[in-house]
Amino acid sequence: MILIFGCLPVLVLSLSLGRYTIGLTDVTRILLSSLGIKGFYAPPAPELHMIFWNIRVPRVIMAFAVGSGLSIAGTVFQAMFKNPLAAPDILGVTAGSCFGAALAIMFFASTPWAIQGNAFFWGVFAVSMAYLLALKSRDRSASVLVIAGIAVSSVFQAGLSILMYISNPYDQMTKIIFWIMGSFHTACWSKVEVTLPFVLLGSLLLTVFSWRLNVMTQDEEDALCLGMNVSRWRVFYVTTSTLMVASSVAAVGNVAWIGLIIPHIARYLVGSEHRRLVPVTGLVGGIFLLLMDTLARTLLPSEIPISIVTSIVGAPFLGYLVMGNQGVGIGIKSCN
């Protein structure tokens, strides 16, 4: 409940601040006008109405949805792989999406739809390749899947490097680099309509079945003794999380650190019981990325890529967690 009320001031700030400031009074007038409520107030200017509904609102929704989706996926991967440093890109989805976006920018129509669709396809394809590689191994443990993900990520990172090497440095390379660093400046209702269903459905499924993550943090033999088909549920968690991450990265580019540090913050707040941890992680991640995006578009005259802001805040914070180790659970046992 405290987090929900804490979200309100961040939401108001995000809707108000930007290159074109919309005061709290104007926000109230726009909302009342949209609801058909007329009073003794002057109607909002048409440009304010357009900026609010066509730029600010979809951007706020995208920032909250992406932050929530990446954070929940990070929590799932940390529990599933029993590794507190696991992140949503551990299986290659981010590397694949970046490769797909660069491919679209260079060889296809570099429209938002072409870039988003290509990035989503290659992100899902990368994780599929990692899982197929892991299936070829006699070892069915989660560590084999992580190793396969690292191998696939390296291949796609090499492919991305090749594309950047042969790209036009005055046009294509600039677009690729800016996309890789991530930004919400292209947020619009069409992207919300594509991304939000994946995040909402994935978050709902992972929240409903979050209690099984408590079992998956145990040794695999213990989970089998409790009657849980670890391999089957691993496929469920990987598939659901991958679709959430791929749709998010495909829409806004790479967003660094969110999926790594937010689960630790949430674990510090509510503990390691995943029925509480998963929904709280989603709420904290949404609030955090909403605040970071507000900073990215207000600190300087020109917008800062979102990964730069999240890295500046996230890296020192993770260092604080490691040095302080104040019950956040840096060790593997924290996920138990």
C-alpha atoms as a PDB file:
ATOM      1  CA  MET A   1       0.000   0.000   0.000  1.00  0.00           C
ATOM      2  CA  ILE A   2       2.855   2.383   0.798  1.00  0.00           C
ATOM      3  CA  LEU A   3       4.410   1.675  -2.601  1.00  0.00           C
ATOM      4  CA  ILE A   4       1.117   2.388  -4.370  1.00  0.00           C
ATOM      5  CA  PHE A   5       0.833   5.781  -2.671  1.00  0.00           C
ATOM      6  CA  GLY A   6       4.534   6.372  -3.356  1.00  0.00           C
ATOM      7  CA  CYS A   7       3.854   5.846  -7.033  1.00  0.00           C
ATOM      8  CA  LEU A   8       1.446   8.806  -7.203  1.00  0.00           C
ATOM      9  CA  PRO A   9       3.987  11.664  -6.839  1.00  0.00           C
ATOM     10  CA  VAL A  10       6.343   9.975  -9.340  1.00  0.00           C
ATOM     11  CA  LEU A  11       3.430   9.604 -11.744  1.00  0.00           C
ATOM     12  CA  VAL A  12       2.468  13.279 -11.375  1.00  0.00           C
ATOM     13  CA  LEU A  13       6.090  14.350 -11.915  1.00  0.00           C
ATOM     14  CA  SER A  14       6.404  12.208 -15.039  1.00  0.00           C
ATOM     15  CA  LEU A  15       3.215  13.616 -16.508  1.00  0.00           C
ATOM     16  CA  SER A  16       4.178  17.199 -15.695  1.00  0.00           C
ATOM     17  CA  LEU A  17       7.907  17.492 -16.401  1.00  0.00           C
ATOM     18  CA  GLY A  18       9.538  17.637 -19.809  1.00  0.00           C
ATOM     19  CA  ARG A  19      10.512  20.097 -22.483  1.00  0.00           C
ATOM     20  CA  TYR A  20       6.982  21.423 -22.294  1.00  0.00           C
ATOM     21  CA  THR A  21       6.011  21.677 -18.630  1.00  0.00           C
ATOM     22  CA  ILE A  22       2.406  20.844 -17.795  1.00  0.00           C
ATOM     23  CA  GLY A  23       1.490  22.103 -14.352  1.00  0.00           C
ATOM     24  CA  LEU A  24      -0.621  20.179 -11.869  1.00  0.00           C
ATOM     25  CA  THR A  25      -3.520  22.543 -12.518  1.00  0.00           C
ATOM     26  CA  ASP A  26      -3.293  21.901 -16.256  1.00  0.00           C
ATOM     27  CA  VAL A  27      -3.142  18.142 -15.670  1.00  0.00           C
ATOM     28  CA  THR A  28      -6.308  18.380 -13.569  1.00  0.00           C
ATOM     29  CA  ARG A  29      -8.077  20.467 -16.210  1.00  0.00           C
ATOM     30  CA  ILE A  30      -7.090  18.032 -18.978  1.00  0.00           C
ATOM     31  CA  LEU A  31      -8.353  15.035 -17.015  1.00  0.00           C
ATOM     32  CA  LEU A  32     -11.630  16.737 -16.084  1.00  0.00           C
ATOM     33  CA  SER A  33     -12.132  17.920 -19.662  1.00  0.00           C
ATOM     34  CA  SER A  34     -11.507  14.407 -21.005  1.00  0.00           C
ATOM     35  CA  LEU A  35     -14.106  13.040 -18.592  1.00  0.00           C
ATOM     36  CA  GLY A  36     -16.622  15.603 -19.841  1.00  0.00           C
ATOM     37  CA  ILE A  37     -16.703  17.476 -16.545  1.00  0.00           C
ATOM     38  CA  LYS A  38     -17.121  21.192 -17.098  1.00  0.00           C
ATOM     39  CA  GLY A  39     -16.793  23.765 -14.378  1.00  0.00           C
ATOM     40  CA  PHE A  40     -15.705  27.310 -13.753  1.00  0.00           C
ATOM     41  CA  TYR A  41     -12.232  26.702 -15.203  1.00  0.00           C
ATOM     42  CA  ALA A  42     -10.768  27.682 -18.521  1.00  0.00           C
ATOM     43  CA  PRO A  43     -10.534  24.739 -20.964  1.00  0.00           C
ATOM     44  CA  PRO A  44      -6.976  23.452 -21.536  1.00  0.00           C
ATOM     45  CA  ALA A  45      -5.099  24.650 -24.584  1.00  0.00           C
ATOM     46  CA  PRO A  46      -5.294  22.227 -27.556  1.00  0.00           C
ATOM     47  CA  GLU A  47      -1.504  21.782 -27.637  1.00  0.00           C
ATOM     48  CA  LEU A  48      -1.472  20.830 -23.933  1.00  0.00           C
ATOM     49  CA  HIS A  49      -4.206  18.292 -24.541  1.00  0.00           C
ATOM     50  CA  MET A  50      -2.263  16.789 -27.476  1.00  0.00           C
ATOM     51  CA  ILE A  51       1.057  16.624 -25.624  1.00  0.00           C
ATOM     52  CA  PHE A  52      -0.549  15.076 -22.567  1.00  0.00           C
ATOM     53  CA  TRP A  53      -2.506  12.289 -24.280  1.00  0.00           C
ATOM     54  CA  ASN A  54      -0.305  11.557 -27.308  1.00  0.00           C
ATOM     55  CA  ILE A  55       3.170  11.933 -25.776  1.00  0.00           C
ATOM     56  CA  ARG A  56       3.220  11.959 -21.965  1.00  0.00           C
ATOM     57  CA  VAL A  57       0.630   9.299 -21.150  1.00  0.00           C
ATOM     58  CA  PRO A  58       1.912   6.595 -23.544  1.00  0.00           C
ATOM     59  CA  ARG A  59       5.470   7.330 -22.443  1.00  0.00           C
ATOM     60  CA  VAL A  60       4.552   6.966 -18.763  1.00  0.00           C
ATOM     61  CA  ILE A  61       2.722   3.704 -19.466  1.00  0.00           C
ATOM     62  CA  MET A  62       5.674   2.338 -21.460  1.00  0.00           C
ATOM     63  CA  ALA A  63       8.232   3.292 -18.812  1.00  0.00           C
ATOM     64  CA  PHE A  64       6.226   1.694 -16.014  1.00  0.00           C
ATOM     65  CA  ALA A  65       5.458  -1.447 -18.051  1.00  0.00           C
ATOM     66  CA  VAL A  66       9.058  -1.966 -19.204  1.00  0.00           C
ATOM     67  CA  GLY A  67      10.448  -1.375 -15.712  1.00  0.00           C
ATOM     68  CA  SER A  68       7.948  -3.779 -14.211  1.00  0.00           C
ATOM     69  CA  GLY A  69       8.482  -6.481 -16.838  1.00  0.00           C
ATOM     70  CA  LEU A  70      12.280  -6.404 -16.723  1.00  0.00           C
ATOM     71  CA  SER A  71      12.290  -6.420 -12.914  1.00  0.00           C
ATOM     72  CA  ILE A  72       9.948  -9.395 -12.637  1.00  0.00           C
ATOM     73  CA  ALA A  73      11.965 -11.275 -15.241  1.00  0.00           C
ATOM     74  CA  GLY A  74      15.120 -10.564 -13.246  1.00  0.00           C
ATOM     75  CA  THR A  75      13.502 -11.949 -10.092  1.00  0.00           C
ATOM     76  CA  VAL A  76      12.460 -15.106 -11.926  1.00  0.00           C
ATOM     77  CA  PHE A  77      15.914 -15.708 -13.396  1.00  0.00           C
ATOM     78  CA  GLN A  78      17.661 -15.101 -10.075  1.00  0.00           C
ATOM     79  CA  ALA A  79      15.426 -17.678  -8.411  1.00  0.00           C
ATOM     80  CA  MET A  80      15.442 -20.174 -11.255  1.00  0.00           C
ATOM     81  CA  PHE A  81      19.218 -20.170 -11.722  1.00  0.00           C
ATOM     82  CA  LYS A  82      19.874 -19.697  -7.985  1.00  0.00           C
ATOM     83  CA  ASN A  83      22.190 -16.820  -8.854  1.00  0.00           C
ATOM     84  CA  PRO A  84      21.676 -13.327  -7.369  1.00  0.00           C
ATOM     85  CA  LEU A  85      23.603 -11.795 -10.290  1.00  0.00           C
ATOM     86  CA  ALA A  86      21.343 -13.278 -12.954  1.00  0.00           C
ATOM     87  CA  ALA A  87      19.676 -10.697 -15.211  1.00  0.00           C
ATOM     88  CA  PRO A  88      16.969 -10.842 -17.901  1.00  0.00           C
ATOM     89  CA  ASP A  89      19.578 -10.866 -20.679  1.00  0.00           C
ATOM     90  CA  ILE A  90      21.367 -13.953 -19.331  1.00  0.00           C
ATOM     91  CA  LEU A  91      19.956 -16.195 -22.097  1.00  0.00           C
ATOM     92  CA  GLY A  92      20.771 -13.873 -24.985  1.00  0.00           C
ATOM     93  CA  VAL A  93      17.472 -12.065 -25.502  1.00  0.00           C
ATOM     94  CA  THR A  94      19.021  -8.591 -25.314  1.00  0.00           C
ATOM     95  CA  ALA A  95      21.927  -9.479 -27.615  1.00  0.00           C
ATOM     96  CA  GLY A  96      19.518 -11.006 -30.112  1.00  0.00           C
ATOM     97  CA  SER A  97      17.201  -8.004 -30.009  1.00  0.00           C
ATOM     98  CA  CYS A  98      20.059  -5.552 -30.508  1.00  0.00           C
ATOM     99  CA  PHE A  99      21.293  -7.588 -33.471  1.00  0.00           C
ATOM    100  CA  GLY A 100      17.797  -7.637 -34.966  1.00  0.00           C
ATOM    101  CA  ALA A 101      17.338  -3.901 -34.536  1.00  0.00           C
ATOM    102  CA  ALA A 102      20.719  -3.181 -36.168  1.00  0.00           C
ATOM    103  CA  LEU A 103      19.808  -5.513 -39.026  1.00  0.00           C
ATOM    104  CA  ALA A 104      16.562  -3.633 -39.611  1.00  0.00           C
ATOM    105  CA  ILE A 105      18.273  -0.230 -39.463  1.00  0.00           C
ATOM    106  CA  MET A 106      20.849  -1.288 -42.059  1.00  0.00           C
ATOM    107  CA  PHE A 107      19.018  -3.482 -44.536  1.00  0.00           C
ATOM    108  CA  PHE A 108      15.300  -2.925 -44.079  1.00  0.00           C
ATOM    109  CA  ALA A 109      13.103   0.109 -43.796  1.00  0.00           C
ATOM    110  CA  SER A 110      14.303   1.698 -40.579  1.00  0.00           C
ATOM    111  CA  THR A 111      10.760   2.451 -39.444  1.00  0.00           C
ATOM    112  CA  PRO A 112       9.768   1.904 -35.795  1.00  0.00           C
ATOM    113  CA  TRP A 113       7.582  -1.057 -36.748  1.00  0.00           C
ATOM    114  CA  ALA A 114      10.357  -2.759 -38.759  1.00  0.00           C
ATOM    115  CA  ILE A 115      12.898  -2.240 -35.985  1.00  0.00           C
ATOM    116  CA  GLN A 116      10.539  -3.371 -33.218  1.00  0.00           C
ATOM    117  CA  GLY A 117       9.358  -6.462 -35.095  1.00  0.00           C
ATOM    118  CA  ASN A 118      12.869  -7.518 -36.106  1.00  0.00           C
ATOM    119  CA  ALA A 119      14.234  -6.964 -32.609  1.00  0.00           C
ATOM    120  CA  PHE A 120      11.439  -9.024 -31.067  1.00  0.00           C
ATOM    121  CA  PHE A 121      11.918 -11.906 -33.515  1.00  0.00           C
ATOM    122  CA  TRP A 122      15.697 -12.140 -33.047  1.00  0.00           C
ATOM    123  CA  GLY A 123      15.404 -11.810 -29.264  1.00  0.00           C
ATOM    124  CA  VAL A 124      13.047 -14.779 -29.082  1.00  0.00           C
ATOM    125  CA  PHE A 125      15.159 -16.657 -31.645  1.00  0.00           C
ATOM    126  CA  ALA A 126      18.311 -16.184 -29.564  1.00  0.00           C
ATOM    127  CA  VAL A 127      16.706 -17.677 -26.451  1.00  0.00           C
ATOM    128  CA  SER A 128      15.272 -20.532 -28.533  1.00  0.00           C
ATOM    129  CA  MET A 129      18.760 -21.322 -29.815  1.00  0.00           C
ATOM    130  CA  ALA A 130      20.148 -21.288 -26.274  1.00  0.00           C
ATOM    131  CA  TYR A 131      17.454 -23.670 -25.117  1.00  0.00           C
ATOM    132  CA  LEU A 132      17.990 -26.025 -28.060  1.00  0.00           C
ATOM    133  CA  LEU A 133      21.718 -26.086 -27.324  1.00  0.00           C
ATOM    134  CA  ALA A 134      21.014 -26.917 -23.700  1.00  0.00           C
ATOM    135  CA  LEU A 135      18.742 -29.791 -24.762  1.00  0.00           C
ATOM    136  CA  LYS A 136      21.632 -31.379 -26.667  1.00  0.00           C
ATOM    137  CA  SER A 137      23.552 -31.742 -23.417  1.00  0.00           C
ATOM    138  CA  ARG A 138      23.209 -34.774 -21.189  1.00  0.00           C
ATOM    139  CA  ASP A 139      23.229 -32.445 -18.200  1.00  0.00           C
ATOM    140  CA  ARG A 140      19.714 -31.036 -17.620  1.00  0.00           C
ATOM    141  CA  SER A 141      20.713 -28.585 -14.902  1.00  0.00           C
ATOM    142  CA  ALA A 142      20.067 -24.850 -15.132  1.00  0.00           C
ATOM    143  CA  SER A 143      23.794 -24.101 -15.364  1.00  0.00           C
ATOM    144  CA  VAL A 144      23.950 -25.683 -18.826  1.00  0.00           C
ATOM    145  CA  LEU A 145      21.202 -23.319 -20.010  1.00  0.00           C
ATOM    146  CA  VAL A 146      23.182 -20.358 -18.672  1.00  0.00           C
ATOM    147  CA  ILE A 147      26.324 -21.492 -20.505  1.00  0.00           C
ATOM    148  CA  ALA A 148      24.313 -21.945 -23.710  1.00  0.00           C
ATOM    149  CA  GLY A 149      22.886 -18.448 -23.254  1.00  0.00           C
ATOM    150  CA  ILE A 150      26.377 -16.982 -22.849  1.00  0.00           C
ATOM    151  CA  ALA A 151      27.508 -18.727 -26.039  1.00  0.00           C
ATOM    152  CA  VAL A 152      24.506 -17.486 -28.024  1.00  0.00           C
ATOM    153  CA  SER A 153      24.936 -13.961 -26.642  1.00  0.00           C
ATOM    154  CA  SER A 154      28.561 -13.937 -27.773  1.00  0.00           C
ATOM    155  CA  VAL A 155      27.549 -14.950 -31.310  1.00  0.00           C
ATOM    156  CA  PHE A 156      24.944 -12.209 -31.588  1.00  0.00           C
ATOM    157  CA  GLN A 157      27.256  -9.624 -30.029  1.00  0.00           C
ATOM    158  CA  ALA A 158      29.842 -10.546 -32.660  1.00  0.00           C
ATOM    159  CA  GLY A 159      27.184 -10.167 -35.344  1.00  0.00           C
ATOM    160  CA  LEU A 160      26.236  -6.759 -33.958  1.00  0.00           C
ATOM    161  CA  SER A 161      29.891  -5.705 -34.009  1.00  0.00           C
ATOM    162  CA  ILE A 162      30.165  -6.754 -37.659  1.00  0.00           C
ATOM    163  CA  LEU A 163      27.064  -4.765 -38.585  1.00  0.00           C
ATOM    164  CA  MET A 164      28.394  -1.690 -36.793  1.00  0.00           C
ATOM    165  CA  TYR A 165      31.770  -2.102 -38.505  1.00  0.00           C
ATOM    166  CA  ILE A 166      30.253  -2.095 -42.005  1.00  0.00           C
ATOM    167  CA  SER A 167      27.571   0.507 -41.265  1.00  0.00           C
ATOM    168  CA  ASN A 168      27.575   4.092 -42.450  1.00  0.00           C
ATOM    169  CA  PRO A 169      29.230   6.014 -39.558  1.00  0.00           C
ATOM    170  CA  TYR A 170      27.303   9.202 -40.337  1.00  0.00           C
ATOM    171  CA  ASP A 171      23.832   7.708 -40.325  1.00  0.00           C
ATOM    172  CA  GLN A 172      23.326   4.017 -39.594  1.00  0.00           C
ATOM    173  CA  MET A 173      25.899   3.663 -36.818  1.00  0.00           C
ATOM    174  CA  THR A 174      24.464   6.643 -34.961  1.00  0.00           C
ATOM    175  CA  LYS A 175      20.975   5.129 -35.076  1.00  0.00           C
ATOM    176  CA  ILE A 176      22.260   1.730 -33.944  1.00  0.00           C
ATOM    177  CA  ILE A 177      24.206   3.162 -31.008  1.00  0.00           C
ATOM    178  CA  PHE A 178      21.304   5.327 -29.876  1.00  0.00           C
ATOM    179  CA  TRP A 179      18.925   2.360 -30.083  1.00  0.00           C
ATOM    180  CA  ILE A 180      21.291   0.131 -28.108  1.00  0.00           C
ATOM    181  CA  MET A 181      21.490   2.713 -25.313  1.00  0.00           C
ATOM    182  CA  GLY A 182      17.694   2.764 -25.084  1.00  0.00           C
ATOM    183  CA  SER A 183      15.192   5.592 -25.019  1.00  0.00           C
ATOM    184  CA  PHE A 184      11.484   6.197 -24.516  1.00  0.00           C
ATOM    185  CA  HIS A 185      11.338   9.132 -26.905  1.00  0.00           C
ATOM    186  CA  THR A 186       9.561   7.026 -29.548  1.00  0.00           C
ATOM    187  CA  ALA A 187       6.871   5.845 -27.114  1.00  0.00           C
ATOM    188  CA  CYS A 188       3.410   6.027 -28.660  1.00  0.00           C
ATOM    189  CA  TRP A 189       0.057   4.311 -28.358  1.00  0.00           C
ATOM    190  CA  SER A 190       0.877   1.784 -31.085  1.00  0.00           C
ATOM    191  CA  LYS A 191       3.912   0.579 -29.125  1.00  0.00           C
ATOM    192  CA  VAL A 192       1.873   0.476 -25.936  1.00  0.00           C
ATOM    193  CA  GLU A 193      -0.698  -1.719 -27.676  1.00  0.00           C
ATOM    194  CA  VAL A 194       2.033  -4.183 -28.712  1.00  0.00           C
ATOM    195  CA  THR A 195       4.171  -4.225 -25.559  1.00  0.00           C
ATOM    196  CA  LEU A 196       1.634  -3.875 -22.749  1.00  0.00           C
ATOM    197  CA  PRO A 197      -0.274  -7.156 -23.407  1.00  0.00           C
ATOM    198  CA  PHE A 198       2.951  -9.198 -23.179  1.00  0.00           C
ATOM    199  CA  VAL A 199       3.981  -7.490 -19.941  1.00  0.00           C
ATOM    200  CA  LEU A 200       0.526  -7.647 -18.341  1.00  0.00           C
ATOM    201  CA  LEU A 201      -0.121 -11.284 -19.223  1.00  0.00           C
ATOM    202  CA  GLY A 202       3.425 -12.335 -18.326  1.00  0.00           C
ATOM    203  CA  SER A 203       3.334 -10.491 -15.009  1.00  0.00           C
ATOM    204  CA  LEU A 204      -0.028 -12.040 -14.163  1.00  0.00           C
ATOM    205  CA  LEU A 205       1.147 -15.580 -14.959  1.00  0.00           C
ATOM    206  CA  LEU A 206       4.412 -15.199 -13.085  1.00  0.00           C
ATOM    207  CA  THR A 207       2.597 -13.744 -10.076  1.00  0.00           C
ATOM    208  CA  VAL A 208       0.009 -16.528 -10.001  1.00  0.00           C
ATOM    209  CA  PHE A 209       2.680 -19.236 -10.199  1.00  0.00           C
ATOM    210  CA  SER A 210       5.279 -17.384  -8.151  1.00  0.00           C
ATOM    211  CA  TRP A 211       4.987 -19.837  -5.262  1.00  0.00           C
ATOM    212  CA  ARG A 212       6.667 -22.500  -7.398  1.00  0.00           C
ATOM    213  CA  LEU A 213       9.788 -20.339  -7.534  1.00  0.00           C
ATOM    214  CA  ASN A 214      10.223 -21.023  -3.821  1.00  0.00           C
ATOM    215  CA  VAL A 215      10.585 -24.696  -4.700  1.00  0.00           C
ATOM    216  CA  MET A 216      12.868 -24.040  -7.674  1.00  0.00           C
ATOM    217  CA  THR A 217      15.373 -22.263  -5.469  1.00  0.00           C
ATOM    218  CA  GLN A 218      15.973 -25.576  -3.697  1.00  0.00           C
ATOM    219  CA  ASP A 219      18.198 -28.318  -5.031  1.00  0.00           C
ATOM    220  CA  GLU A 220      16.716 -30.040  -8.053  1.00  0.00           C
ATOM    221  CA  GLU A 221      16.522 -33.373  -6.171  1.00  0.00           C
ATOM    222  CA  ASP A 222      14.523 -31.702  -3.388  1.00  0.00           C
ATOM    223  CA  ALA A 223      12.148 -30.145  -5.926  1.00  0.00           C
ATOM    224  CA  LEU A 224      11.598 -33.539  -7.565  1.00  0.00           C
ATOM    225  CA  CYS A 225      10.888 -35.094  -4.175  1.00  0.00           C
ATOM    226  CA  LEU A 226       8.208 -32.442  -3.651  1.00  0.00           C
ATOM    227  CA  GLY A 227       6.534 -33.595  -6.869  1.00  0.00           C
ATOM    228  CA  MET A 228       7.568 -30.696  -9.114  1.00  0.00           C
ATOM    229  CA  ASN A 229       8.562 -31.256 -12.741  1.00  0.00           C
ATOM    230  CA  VAL A 230      11.506 -28.850 -12.771  1.00  0.00           C
ATOM    231  CA  SER A 231      12.227 -29.095 -16.508  1.00  0.00           C
ATOM    232  CA  ARG A 232       8.634 -28.360 -17.490  1.00  0.00           C
ATOM    233  CA  TRP A 233       8.313 -25.370 -15.189  1.00  0.00           C
ATOM    234  CA  ARG A 234      11.707 -24.075 -16.289  1.00  0.00           C
ATOM    235  CA  VAL A 235      10.370 -23.945 -19.851  1.00  0.00           C
ATOM    236  CA  PHE A 236       7.319 -22.019 -18.613  1.00  0.00           C
ATOM    237  CA  TYR A 237       9.345 -19.450 -16.684  1.00  0.00           C
ATOM    238  CA  VAL A 238      11.937 -19.001 -19.461  1.00  0.00           C
ATOM    239  CA  THR A 239       9.282 -18.625 -22.175  1.00  0.00           C
ATOM    240  CA  THR A 240       7.106 -16.182 -20.240  1.00  0.00           C
ATOM    241  CA  SER A 241      10.038 -14.051 -19.091  1.00  0.00           C
ATOM    242  CA  THR A 242      11.609 -14.041 -22.545  1.00  0.00           C
ATOM    243  CA  LEU A 243       8.439 -12.771 -24.208  1.00  0.00           C
ATOM    244  CA  MET A 244       8.208  -9.977 -21.628  1.00  0.00           C
ATOM    245  CA  VAL A 245      11.841  -8.961 -22.047  1.00  0.00           C
ATOM    246  CA  ALA A 246      11.862  -9.269 -25.839  1.00  0.00           C
ATOM    247  CA  SER A 247       8.751  -7.110 -26.236  1.00  0.00           C
ATOM    248  CA  SER A 248      10.186  -4.494 -23.864  1.00  0.00           C
ATOM    249  CA  VAL A 249      13.654  -4.338 -25.423  1.00  0.00           C
ATOM    250  CA  ALA A 250      12.185  -4.368 -28.933  1.00  0.00           C
ATOM    251  CA  ALA A 251      10.072  -1.309 -28.090  1.00  0.00           C
ATOM    252  CA  VAL A 252      12.588   0.933 -26.323  1.00  0.00           C
ATOM    253  CA  GLY A 253      16.046  -0.617 -26.781  1.00  0.00           C
ATOM    254  CA  ASN A 254      18.398  -1.881 -24.107  1.00  0.00           C
ATOM    255  CA  VAL A 255      17.661  -0.790 -20.522  1.00  0.00           C
ATOM    256  CA  ALA A 256      20.601  -1.626 -18.281  1.00  0.00           C
ATOM    257  CA  TRP A 257      20.644  -2.717 -14.618  1.00  0.00           C
ATOM    258  CA  ILE A 258      16.880  -2.719 -13.972  1.00  0.00           C
ATOM    259  CA  GLY A 259      16.462  -6.468 -13.987  1.00  0.00           C
ATOM    260  CA  LEU A 260      19.521  -6.918 -11.782  1.00  0.00           C
ATOM    261  CA  ILE A 261      19.176  -4.392  -8.962  1.00  0.00           C
ATOM    262  CA  ILE A 262      15.398  -4.021  -8.549  1.00  0.00           C
ATOM    263  CA  PRO A 263      14.878  -7.612  -7.321  1.00  0.00           C
ATOM    264  CA  HIS A 264      17.454  -6.953  -4.575  1.00  0.00           C
ATOM    265  CA  ILE A 265      15.667  -3.766  -3.514  1.00  0.00           C
ATOM    266  CA  ALA A 266      12.332  -5.589  -3.393  1.00  0.00           C
ATOM    267  CA  ARG A 267      13.906  -8.492  -1.511  1.00  0.00           C
ATOM    268  CA  TYR A 268      15.170  -6.024   1.075  1.00  0.00           C
ATOM    269  CA  LEU A 269      11.650  -4.607   1.453  1.00  0.00           C
ATOM    270  CA  VAL A 270       9.545  -7.775   1.683  1.00  0.00           C
ATOM    271  CA  GLY A 271      11.927 -10.730   1.970  1.00  0.00           C
ATOM    272  CA  SER A 272      12.504 -13.687  -0.328  1.00  0.00           C
ATOM    273  CA  GLU A 273       9.047 -15.281  -0.321  1.00  0.00           C
ATOM    274  CA  HIS A 274       8.168 -15.070  -4.016  1.00  0.00           C
ATOM    275  CA  ARG A 275       4.404 -14.697  -3.608  1.00  0.00           C
ATOM    276  CA  ARG A 276       5.135 -11.268  -2.123  1.00  0.00           C
ATOM    277  CA  LEU A 277       8.418 -10.626  -3.912  1.00  0.00           C
ATOM    278  CA  VAL A 278       7.223 -10.914  -7.530  1.00  0.00           C
ATOM    279  CA  PRO A 279       4.387  -8.318  -7.401  1.00  0.00           C
ATOM    280  CA  VAL A 280       6.431  -5.933  -5.241  1.00  0.00           C
ATOM    281  CA  THR A 281       9.349  -6.222  -7.647  1.00  0.00           C
ATOM    282  CA  GLY A 282       7.082  -5.277 -10.534  1.00  0.00           C
ATOM    283  CA  LEU A 283       5.762  -2.221  -8.696  1.00  0.00           C
ATOM    284  CA  VAL A 284       9.220  -1.059  -7.548  1.00  0.00           C
ATOM    285  CA  GLY A 285      10.674  -1.605 -11.032  1.00  0.00           C
ATOM    286  CA  GLY A 286       7.911   0.414 -12.660  1.00  0.00           C
ATOM    287  CA  ILE A 287       8.318   3.310 -10.223  1.00  0.00           C
ATOM    288  CA  PHE A 288      12.103   3.251 -10.518  1.00  0.00           C
ATOM    289  CA  LEU A 289      12.211   3.306 -14.326  1.00  0.00           C
ATOM    290  CA  LEU A 290       9.501   5.962 -14.426  1.00  0.00           C
ATOM    291  CA  LEU A 291      11.686   8.150 -12.222  1.00  0.00           C
ATOM    292  CA  MET A 292      14.802   7.402 -14.303  1.00  0.00           C
ATOM    293  CA  ASP A 293      13.003   8.314 -17.525  1.00  0.00           C
ATOM    294  CA  THR A 294      11.842  11.589 -15.983  1.00  0.00           C
ATOM    295  CA  LEU A 295      15.454  12.384 -15.104  1.00  0.00           C
ATOM    296  CA  ALA A 296      16.623  11.374 -18.593  1.00  0.00           C
ATOM    297  CA  ARG A 297      14.407  13.943 -20.285  1.00  0.00           C
ATOM    298  CA  THR A 298      14.779  16.788 -17.784  1.00  0.00           C
ATOM    299  CA  LEU A 299      18.409  16.855 -16.577  1.00  0.00           C
ATOM    300  CA  LEU A 300      19.841  18.250 -19.832  1.00  0.00           C
ATOM    301  CA  PRO A 301      18.391  20.217 -22.756  1.00  0.00           C
ATOM    302  CA  SER A 302      18.697  17.102 -24.933  1.00  0.00           C
ATOM    303  CA  GLU A 303      17.383  13.736 -23.802  1.00  0.00           C
ATOM    304  CA  ILE A 304      19.853  11.300 -22.220  1.00  0.00           C
ATOM    305  CA  PRO A 305      19.653   7.622 -23.282  1.00  0.00           C
ATOM    306  CA  ILE A 306      17.937   5.691 -20.520  1.00  0.00           C
ATOM    307  CA  SER A 307      20.721   3.113 -20.050  1.00  0.00           C
ATOM    308  CA  ILE A 308      23.177   5.877 -19.175  1.00  0.00           C
ATOM    309  CA  VAL A 309      20.921   7.125 -16.371  1.00  0.00           C
ATOM    310  CA  THR A 310      20.137   3.648 -15.028  1.00  0.00           C
ATOM    311  CA  SER A 311      23.827   2.696 -15.128  1.00  0.00           C
ATOM    312  CA  ILE A 312      24.897   5.816 -13.235  1.00  0.00           C
ATOM    313  CA  VAL A 313      22.358   5.043 -10.509  1.00  0.00           C
ATOM    314  CA  GLY A 314      22.401   1.255 -10.648  1.00  0.00           C
ATOM    315  CA  ALA A 315      26.107   0.443 -10.587  1.00  0.00           C
ATOM    316  CA  PRO A 316      26.916   2.385  -7.376  1.00  0.00           C
ATOM    317  CA  PHE A 317      23.780   1.052  -5.736  1.00  0.00           C
ATOM    318  CA  LEU A 318      24.778  -2.537  -6.471  1.00  0.00           C
ATOM    319  CA  GLY A 319      28.218  -1.768  -5.062  1.00  0.00           C
ATOM    320  CA  TYR A 320      26.548  -0.467  -1.912  1.00  0.00           C
ATOM    321  CA  LEU A 321      24.535  -3.663  -1.626  1.00  0.00           C
ATOM    322  CA  VAL A 322      27.639  -5.807  -2.039  1.00  0.00           C
ATOM    323  CA  MET A 323      29.715  -3.822   0.471  1.00  0.00           C
ATOM    324  CA  GLY A 324      26.930  -3.366   2.993  1.00  0.00           C
ATOM    325  CA  ASN A 325      25.199  -6.738   2.483  1.00  0.00           C
ATOM    326  CA  GLN A 326      22.400  -5.452   4.711  1.00  0.00           C
ATOM    327  CA  GLY A 327      20.085  -8.405   4.420  1.00  0.00           C
ATOM    328  CA  VAL A 328      19.400  -7.857   0.752  1.00  0.00           C
ATOM    329  CA  GLY A 329      20.664 -11.280  -0.116  1.00  0.00           C
ATOM    330  CA  ILE A 330      23.742 -11.054  -2.273  1.00  0.00           C
ATOM    331  CA  GLY A 331      24.499 -14.727  -1.748  1.00  0.00           C
ATOM    332  CA  ILE A 332      22.687 -17.564  -3.473  1.00  0.00           C
ATOM    333  CA  LYS A 333      20.963 -18.534  -0.239  1.00  0.00           C
ATOM    334  CA  SER A 334      19.013 -15.292  -0.345  1.00  0.00           C
ATOM    335  CA  CYS A 335      16.722 -16.768  -2.960  1.00  0.00           C
ATOM    336  CA  ASN A 336      15.781 -19.692  -0.724  1.00  0.00           C
END
